[in-house]
Structures are given as structure tokens and as C-alpha cells.
C-alpha atoms as a PDB file:
ATOM      1  CA  UNK A   1      57.537  72.004  98.202  1.00  0.00           C
ATOM      2  CA  UNK A   2      56.207  71.712  94.762  1.00  0.00           C
ATOM      3  CA  UNK A   3      55.558  74.619  92.498  1.00  0.00           C
ATOM      4  CA  UNK A   4      51.868  75.063  91.870  1.00  0.00           C
ATOM      5  CA  UNK A   5      50.418  76.892  88.965  1.00  0.00           C
ATOM      6  CA  UNK A   6      47.924  79.560  89.734  1.00  0.00           C
ATOM      7  CA  UNK A   7      44.324  78.731  88.948  1.00  0.00           C
ATOM      8  CA  UNK A   8      43.476  82.389  88.349  1.00  0.00           C
ATOM      9  CA  UNK A   9      42.882  83.330  84.744  1.00  0.00           C
ATOM     10  CA  UNK A  10      45.357  85.729  83.227  1.00  0.00           C
ATOM     11  CA  UNK A  11      44.379  89.363  83.146  1.00  0.00           C
ATOM     12  CA  UNK A  12      43.220  90.501  79.755  1.00  0.00           C
ATOM     13  CA  UNK A  13      45.572  92.938  78.126  1.00  0.00           C
ATOM     14  CA  UNK A  14      44.340  96.472  77.730  1.00  0.00           C
ATOM     15  CA  UNK A  15      43.623  97.539  74.193  1.00  0.00           C
ATOM     16  CA  UNK A  16      46.185  99.911  72.796  1.00  0.00           C
ATOM     17  CA  UNK A  17      45.254 103.565  72.773  1.00  0.00           C
ATOM     18  CA  UNK A  18      44.151 105.193  69.576  1.00  0.00           C
ATOM     19  CA  UNK A  19      46.849 106.570  67.365  1.00  0.00           C
ATOM     20  CA  UNK A  20      47.909 110.088  68.423  1.00  0.00           C
ATOM     21  CA  UNK A  21      48.414 111.190  64.829  1.00  0.00           C
ATOM     22  CA  UNK A  22      45.791 113.755  63.841  1.00  0.00           C
ATOM     23  CA  UNK A  23      43.105 112.805  61.314  1.00  0.00           C
ATOM     24  CA  UNK A  24      42.214 115.668  59.028  1.00  0.00           C
ATOM     25  CA  UNK A  25      38.589 116.871  58.983  1.00  0.00           C
ATOM     26  CA  UNK A  26      38.914 120.080  56.976  1.00  0.00           C
ATOM     27  CA  UNK A  27      41.735 122.289  55.744  1.00  0.00           C
ATOM     28  CA  UNK A  28      41.894 125.972  54.803  1.00  0.00           C
ATOM     29  CA  UNK A  29      44.355 125.857  51.901  1.00  0.00           C
ATOM     30  CA  UNK A  30      43.613 129.402  50.807  1.00  0.00           C
ATOM     31  CA  UNK A  31      44.857 130.743  54.147  1.00  0.00           C
ATOM     32  CA  UNK A  32      48.352 129.370  53.494  1.00  0.00           C
ATOM     33  CA  UNK A  33      48.387 131.213  50.169  1.00  0.00           C
ATOM     34  CA  UNK A  34      46.915 134.506  51.411  1.00  0.00           C
ATOM     35  CA  UNK A  35      48.881 134.725  54.671  1.00  0.00           C
ATOM     36  CA  UNK A  36      52.421 134.261  55.906  1.00  0.00           C
ATOM     37  CA  UNK A  37      52.054 131.915  58.906  1.00  0.00           C
ATOM     38  CA  UNK A  38      54.537 132.712  61.682  1.00  0.00           C
ATOM     39  CA  UNK A  39      53.236 130.561  64.522  1.00  0.00           C
ATOM     40  CA  UNK A  40      50.688 127.760  64.953  1.00  0.00           C
ATOM     41  CA  UNK A  41      48.532 126.956  67.982  1.00  0.00           C
ATOM     42  CA  UNK A  42      46.182 124.033  68.504  1.00  0.00           C
ATOM     43  CA  UNK A  43      42.866 124.824  70.211  1.00  0.00           C
ATOM     44  CA  UNK A  44      39.959 122.666  71.258  1.00  0.00           C
ATOM     45  CA  UNK A  45      36.378 123.310  70.146  1.00  0.00           C
ATOM     46  CA  UNK A  46      33.191 123.479  72.205  1.00  0.00           C
ATOM     47  CA  UNK A  47      30.726 121.552  70.012  1.00  0.00           C
ATOM     48  CA  UNK A  48      27.172 120.296  70.137  1.00  0.00           C
ATOM     49  CA  UNK A  49      26.340 116.624  69.547  1.00  0.00           C
ATOM     50  CA  UNK A  50      25.134 117.004  65.964  1.00  0.00           C
ATOM     51  CA  UNK A  51      28.346 118.891  65.104  1.00  0.00           C
ATOM     52  CA  UNK A  52      30.495 116.028  66.347  1.00  0.00           C
ATOM     53  CA  UNK A  53      28.545 113.550  64.220  1.00  0.00           C
ATOM     54  CA  UNK A  54      28.872 115.760  61.151  1.00  0.00           C
ATOM     55  CA  UNK A  55      32.590 116.255  61.712  1.00  0.00           C
ATOM     56  CA  UNK A  56      33.079 112.493  61.950  1.00  0.00           C
ATOM     57  CA  UNK A  57      31.634 112.396  58.419  1.00  0.00           C
ATOM     58  CA  UNK A  58      34.051 115.237  57.423  1.00  0.00           C
ATOM     59  CA  UNK A  59      31.199 117.663  56.696  1.00  0.00           C
ATOM     60  CA  UNK A  60      33.093 120.808  57.728  1.00  0.00           C
ATOM     61  CA  UNK A  61      34.446 123.785  55.813  1.00  0.00           C
ATOM     62  CA  UNK A  62      36.908 126.459  57.025  1.00  0.00           C
ATOM     63  CA  UNK A  63      37.151 128.620  53.891  1.00  0.00           C
ATOM     64  CA  UNK A  64      35.311 131.699  55.166  1.00  0.00           C
ATOM     65  CA  UNK A  65      36.187 131.240  58.839  1.00  0.00           C
ATOM     66  CA  UNK A  66      38.025 133.543  61.190  1.00  0.00           C
ATOM     67  CA  UNK A  67      39.050 133.612  64.856  1.00  0.00           C
ATOM     68  CA  UNK A  68      38.194 136.597  67.028  1.00  0.00           C
ATOM     69  CA  UNK A  69      38.431 137.660  70.662  1.00  0.00           C
ATOM     70  CA  UNK A  70      35.308 138.710  72.554  1.00  0.00           C
ATOM     71  CA  UNK A  71      34.904 139.086  76.345  1.00  0.00           C
ATOM     72  CA  UNK A  72      38.384 137.609  77.034  1.00  0.00           C
ATOM     73  CA  UNK A  73      37.495 134.458  75.097  1.00  0.00           C
ATOM     74  CA  UNK A  74      38.503 133.176  71.669  1.00  0.00           C
ATOM     75  CA  UNK A  75      35.743 132.348  69.160  1.00  0.00           C
ATOM     76  CA  UNK A  76      35.647 130.647  65.776  1.00  0.00           C
ATOM     77  CA  UNK A  77      33.250 132.388  63.398  1.00  0.00           C
ATOM     78  CA  UNK A  78      32.192 131.494  59.888  1.00  0.00           C
ATOM     79  CA  UNK A  79      33.166 127.811  60.031  1.00  0.00           C
ATOM     80  CA  UNK A  80      30.479 125.816  58.250  1.00  0.00           C
ATOM     81  CA  UNK A  81      29.545 122.409  59.664  1.00  0.00           C
ATOM     82  CA  UNK A  82      26.809 120.826  57.559  1.00  0.00           C
ATOM     83  CA  UNK A  83      24.151 119.128  59.689  1.00  0.00           C
ATOM     84  CA  UNK A  84      23.368 115.522  58.871  1.00  0.00           C
ATOM     85  CA  UNK A  85      19.868 114.644  57.744  1.00  0.00           C
ATOM     86  CA  UNK A  86      19.690 112.024  60.495  1.00  0.00           C
ATOM     87  CA  UNK A  87      20.587 114.562  63.208  1.00  0.00           C
ATOM     88  CA  UNK A  88      18.275 115.244  66.105  1.00  0.00           C
ATOM     89  CA  UNK A  89      15.028 116.989  65.221  1.00  0.00           C
ATOM     90  CA  UNK A  90      14.521 118.743  68.564  1.00  0.00           C
ATOM     91  CA  UNK A  91      17.693 120.828  68.158  1.00  0.00           C
ATOM     92  CA  UNK A  92      17.757 123.601  65.577  1.00  0.00           C
ATOM     93  CA  UNK A  93      21.065 123.230  63.733  1.00  0.00           C
ATOM     94  CA  UNK A  94      22.831 126.467  62.806  1.00  0.00           C
ATOM     95  CA  UNK A  95      25.732 125.467  60.509  1.00  0.00           C
ATOM     96  CA  UNK A  96      27.686 128.735  60.881  1.00  0.00           C
ATOM     97  CA  UNK A  97      27.184 129.531  64.564  1.00  0.00           C
ATOM     98  CA  UNK A  98      29.991 130.973  66.700  1.00  0.00           C
ATOM     99  CA  UNK A  99      31.984 128.208  68.379  1.00  0.00           C
ATOM    100  CA  UNK A 100      34.115 128.733  71.446  1.00  0.00           C
ATOM    101  CA  UNK A 101      37.824 127.941  71.144  1.00  0.00           C
ATOM    102  CA  UNK A 102      39.281 126.210  74.177  1.00  0.00           C
ATOM    103  CA  UNK A 103      42.664 127.728  75.053  1.00  0.00           C
ATOM    104  CA  UNK A 104      44.579 128.390  78.258  1.00  0.00           C
ATOM    105  CA  UNK A 105      44.404 131.942  79.602  1.00  0.00           C
ATOM    106  CA  UNK A 106      48.106 132.607  78.890  1.00  0.00           C
ATOM    107  CA  UNK A 107      47.649 131.426  75.277  1.00  0.00           C
ATOM    108  CA  UNK A 108      44.665 133.735  74.820  1.00  0.00           C
ATOM    109  CA  UNK A 109      46.616 136.663  76.296  1.00  0.00           C
ATOM    110  CA  UNK A 110      49.643 136.006  74.077  1.00  0.00           C
ATOM    111  CA  UNK A 111      47.571 135.661  70.904  1.00  0.00           C
ATOM    112  CA  UNK A 112      45.400 138.674  71.714  1.00  0.00           C
ATOM    113  CA  UNK A 113      48.518 140.777  72.320  1.00  0.00           C
ATOM    114  CA  UNK A 114      49.958 139.755  68.967  1.00  0.00           C
ATOM    115  CA  UNK A 115      46.690 140.509  67.158  1.00  0.00           C
ATOM    116  CA  UNK A 116      45.983 143.849  68.821  1.00  0.00           C
ATOM    117  CA  UNK A 117      49.505 145.275  69.203  1.00  0.00           C
ATOM    118  CA  UNK A 118      51.588 143.708  66.470  1.00  0.00           C
ATOM    119  CA  UNK A 119      49.031 143.629  63.648  1.00  0.00           C
ATOM    120  CA  UNK A 120      48.770 139.860  63.248  1.00  0.00           C
ATOM    121  CA  UNK A 121      45.664 137.951  62.195  1.00  0.00           C
ATOM    122  CA  UNK A 122      44.448 134.714  63.762  1.00  0.00           C
ATOM    123  CA  UNK A 123      43.503 132.342  60.925  1.00  0.00           C
ATOM    124  CA  UNK A 124      42.045 128.809  61.220  1.00  0.00           C
ATOM    125  CA  UNK A 125      44.234 126.476  59.141  1.00  0.00           C
ATOM    126  CA  UNK A 126      42.849 122.984  59.756  1.00  0.00           C
ATOM    127  CA  UNK A 127      40.433 120.871  61.802  1.00  0.00           C
ATOM    128  CA  UNK A 128      41.699 117.544  63.108  1.00  0.00           C
ATOM    129  CA  UNK A 129      40.737 114.682  65.374  1.00  0.00           C
ATOM    130  CA  UNK A 130      43.455 114.261  68.009  1.00  0.00           C
ATOM    131  CA  UNK A 131      42.884 111.429  70.497  1.00  0.00           C
ATOM    132  CA  UNK A 132      39.142 111.530  69.798  1.00  0.00           C
ATOM    133  CA  UNK A 133      38.827 115.284  70.329  1.00  0.00           C
ATOM    134  CA  UNK A 134      38.152 117.905  67.681  1.00  0.00           C
ATOM    135  CA  UNK A 135      40.962 120.455  67.430  1.00  0.00           C
ATOM    136  CA  UNK A 136      41.480 123.537  65.285  1.00  0.00           C
ATOM    137  CA  UNK A 137      44.964 124.585  64.218  1.00  0.00           C
ATOM    138  CA  UNK A 138      45.181 128.365  64.329  1.00  0.00           C
ATOM    139  CA  UNK A 139      47.890 130.310  62.558  1.00  0.00           C
ATOM    140  CA  UNK A 140      49.273 133.626  63.785  1.00  0.00           C
ATOM    141  CA  UNK A 141      49.687 135.270  60.419  1.00  0.00           C
ATOM    142  CA  UNK A 142      50.494 138.417  58.482  1.00  0.00           C
ATOM    143  CA  UNK A 143      49.078 139.243  55.071  1.00  0.00           C
ATOM    144  CA  UNK A 144      51.223 138.322  52.074  1.00  0.00           C
ATOM    145  CA  UNK A 145      52.172 141.277  49.924  1.00  0.00           C
ATOM    146  CA  UNK A 146      50.566 140.690  46.545  1.00  0.00           C
ATOM    147  CA  UNK A 147      51.738 142.960  43.761  1.00  0.00           C
ATOM    148  CA  UNK A 148      49.523 143.305  40.701  1.00  0.00           C
ATOM    149  CA  UNK A 149      49.948 145.623  37.725  1.00  0.00           C
ATOM    150  CA  UNK A 150      47.070 147.634  36.310  1.00  0.00           C
ATOM    151  CA  UNK A 151      47.862 147.713  32.592  1.00  0.00           C
ATOM    152  CA  UNK A 152      45.649 150.747  31.817  1.00  0.00           C
ATOM    153  CA  UNK A 153      47.316 153.207  34.176  1.00  0.00           C
ATOM    154  CA  UNK A 154      50.619 151.349  34.664  1.00  0.00           C
ATOM    155  CA  UNK A 155      50.286 151.627  38.434  1.00  0.00           C
ATOM    156  CA  UNK A 156      51.550 149.018  40.842  1.00  0.00           C
ATOM    157  CA  UNK A 157      49.034 148.313  43.565  1.00  0.00           C
ATOM    158  CA  UNK A 158      50.443 146.796  46.732  1.00  0.00           C
ATOM    159  CA  UNK A 159      47.857 145.160  48.931  1.00  0.00           C
ATOM    160  CA  UNK A 160      49.013 145.002  52.514  1.00  0.00           C
ATOM    161  CA  UNK A 161      46.287 143.936  54.899  1.00  0.00           C
ATOM    162  CA  UNK A 162      43.327 146.291  54.852  1.00  0.00           C
ATOM    163  CA  UNK A 163      44.791 149.294  53.054  1.00  0.00           C
ATOM    164  CA  UNK A 164      45.787 149.588  49.394  1.00  0.00           C
ATOM    165  CA  UNK A 165      48.709 151.800  48.563  1.00  0.00           C
ATOM    166  CA  UNK A 166      49.083 153.027  44.981  1.00  0.00           C
ATOM    167  CA  UNK A 167      52.672 153.610  43.988  1.00  0.00           C
ATOM    168  CA  UNK A 168      53.321 155.556  40.822  1.00  0.00           C
ATOM    169  CA  UNK A 169      55.780 154.520  38.109  1.00  0.00           C
ATOM    170  CA  UNK A 170      58.323 157.109  39.249  1.00  0.00           C
ATOM    171  CA  UNK A 171      58.371 155.779  42.811  1.00  0.00           C
ATOM    172  CA  UNK A 172      58.502 152.101  41.798  1.00  0.00           C
ATOM    173  CA  UNK A 173      59.663 151.409  38.237  1.00  0.00           C
ATOM    174  CA  UNK A 174      57.878 148.454  36.662  1.00  0.00           C
ATOM    175  CA  UNK A 175      60.749 147.416  34.413  1.00  0.00           C
END
């Protein structure tokens, strides 16, 4: 018995998958300064076709964006995605429309509980491409305490979230 070589061509090798490292689209640097980030969650985005094309060109901005809960769903509001000039003409592009965040029910419940009960804020930190899908990194955050001194009345003003508390010199010496 002689060994025969197969006449079948070899199977082509599959191309390697895309790198799993995230590619940055947009970042909210101000959020890291204004907030103390305690936890981070990655959420998917429900996008329209023109938004995907614009995000591939990195035409997104998260500076004035926020994440809210409405009807047991998480939404991204205020994120600006600039429409391309070559985008479809039959679709009216709204650059700051509300976009649905794609999260599991238990993640939504955990985040909503932290926001409503514990006084946290849900802040978008970055937009990335992960395995060809657009993702938003959300931070579960508390406001940083920023202390500024009013030189005219020598009063320390502590900004903590929504309320401003004025503390007199006797209560908090400015020495």
C-alpha cells in the first residue's frame, strides 16, 4: 500500500477576528473632573444608519450628555452625533435625539436603584467601538465637592450636587 496524497485543495484559513480592544469615538473628560466615578458599566446603543456612519468618522460629542431612566428603560440624552453631508436625504437627521441604551434588566434595576435611592448620577464617560459595535461607558458617579472662596464676603461655598450650602467663617475657618 502506497501513501497517496490527497487531491483536495487545502481549506483556506479563516481570517482572524477583529481586535477586541476598544477604539475610542468620543470621550467626556469633563465628567471625570466634575464627578467621582465609583463604578463603570458598558452599554450598547440603538442607532440609525446615518449615526453609525458618522460615528465611524468620529463625529460624536458627549459633553452635554446624560443618562436617564424612563418607562423601565435607560436612555442617552444630549449626545451630539453630527450628520454627514453624504448621509441619506430621505431620513431627517436629528443630531441630539434620545438614544436607547441596551442593558440587561438586572443592570437597569441595579443602576436605577443606585440613582434613585443612593443619590448617584449616571454619566456617559466614553463612546467606543468594541467588536464592531458602538458602546457607551457609563459611570455611576457622585458629585465632587468643590470648595470656592468668595473674597467679598469671605464665605466658603460648598457645592454638593444640586444644593449650595453657605458656611460662615465661624463654622468653617478659612485660615
